[in-house]
Amino acid sequence: MQRILFVRLTIVVALMSLLLISCTKDNDEKEEIKVGFLYWNTIGDAGWTYEHNVARLELLNEDYVSSAPYIECLESDDSTEIAAKLNQLVDQGCKIIFSTSIDFMNPTLAVANANPNIYFMHCGGYKTADNMGTYFARIHQPDYLAGLLAAEYSNNDSIGYVAAFKIPEIYRGINAFAIGVLERKPDAKIFVKWINKWNDPVVERQKAIELINLGVDVLAHGQVSPEVNIVAGENGLPSFGYNSDMSSYAPGSHITAPMWNWIVFYKHFCKMVYDKECQVEETWWGYEHDAVKLSPFAASVTSDLRTMVENRITEFKNGAFVVFKGPLYTNTDSLVYAEGIQATDPELLSMEYLIRGVIEP
């Protein structure tokens, strides 16, 4: 899904570079554009694809968008099937196509190369073409904020986290969450259970229960489903969602959730196509573009805690605060960053370690 796999530093170093390309210019008159979306799974009512679809529906309010068809891929990683569905969107006359899963990267590149007059944007990957860029958000920023709050809800300084894959995106998110926790409670421990899937409620439930049995009193996760929140609610524990607001599944438990705000990307790139000013962008935005956010807070979040979070968001926006800076050690006590040293984007995008305070029981 949204994995960033085997990041190539030579590509990532140029993350924010822009390569000018020409859009189709049959005449100078602007015309409404049809925008296509290829989804990783069914829309559902929470999670990764649901939030992409929320943004798609909002995009339809723009007067330069004529329609926005979508196709669901049902969690497929079959390149032939993915390419066929992308070509369906091409055949429907889409002028820009958003490909919303890392599993779609190679087939998206192939279809883009075969259709030079259509603009493609791929979510979470690192390959580009003359008419294909990438987009992703700095979700580690709200992950860190969730950690700040999680520390305040833990009475025994033991917090559990259910994680999908051992890949840079997830390492980055867990570490950011842990940095937030440890900022408030330096002696806290964050226990991580891996499931190697984005969406498996049965295994997510099992791992959440294992964490509770270890003695954690707060649960968080990076999954598509809200199962971890449901388990937390059943056991009277506070919890943090992911991808979207999951409070309806655990109204007495859910505190907030780190979320993507995809609409800012979709408006930006669609407007470029409409204005016939296309350029290939490898875009990685955070709070400075309102590309990430937290879901509405639970009533239990005090005004002081809200102010703390809001102040940090302001610092993210003006560049006064970064999550990853020294001194920072791995959980095997190796120094990653000395005092005052900040992580670079290539280093963040290739992260393959957990920080001190994170335990894999």
Foldseek 3Di string as FASTA:
>chain_A
DQFEPPDDLVLCVCQFPWFFDFADPPDQDFAAFEEEEEAQADLPCFFANVLVVVLQVVVVVDPSHPYYYYHYDHNDLDLVVLLVVVVVVVVVRGQEYEYEYPSNPVSVVVNCVVPVNHAYEYENYRDADFRYAYEYEPLLLVLLLQLLVVLVQWPVLEEEEEEADLGLVGLSSQQSSVLNNCVVPVQHFYEYDYDNHQDDLVVLLVVLVVSVVVPTQEYEYAHRDCSSLLNNLVVVGAYEYEAGDPCVNRVSHYFKYKHFNCNLVVVVQSVCNSSRRDIHHSYYYYLLSPGIDIGDGRPPQDPVSVVVSVVVSVCVNVVNDDRAAPQWAFCVGHGDHHHPGGDDSSCSNGDRTHTHRYHHD
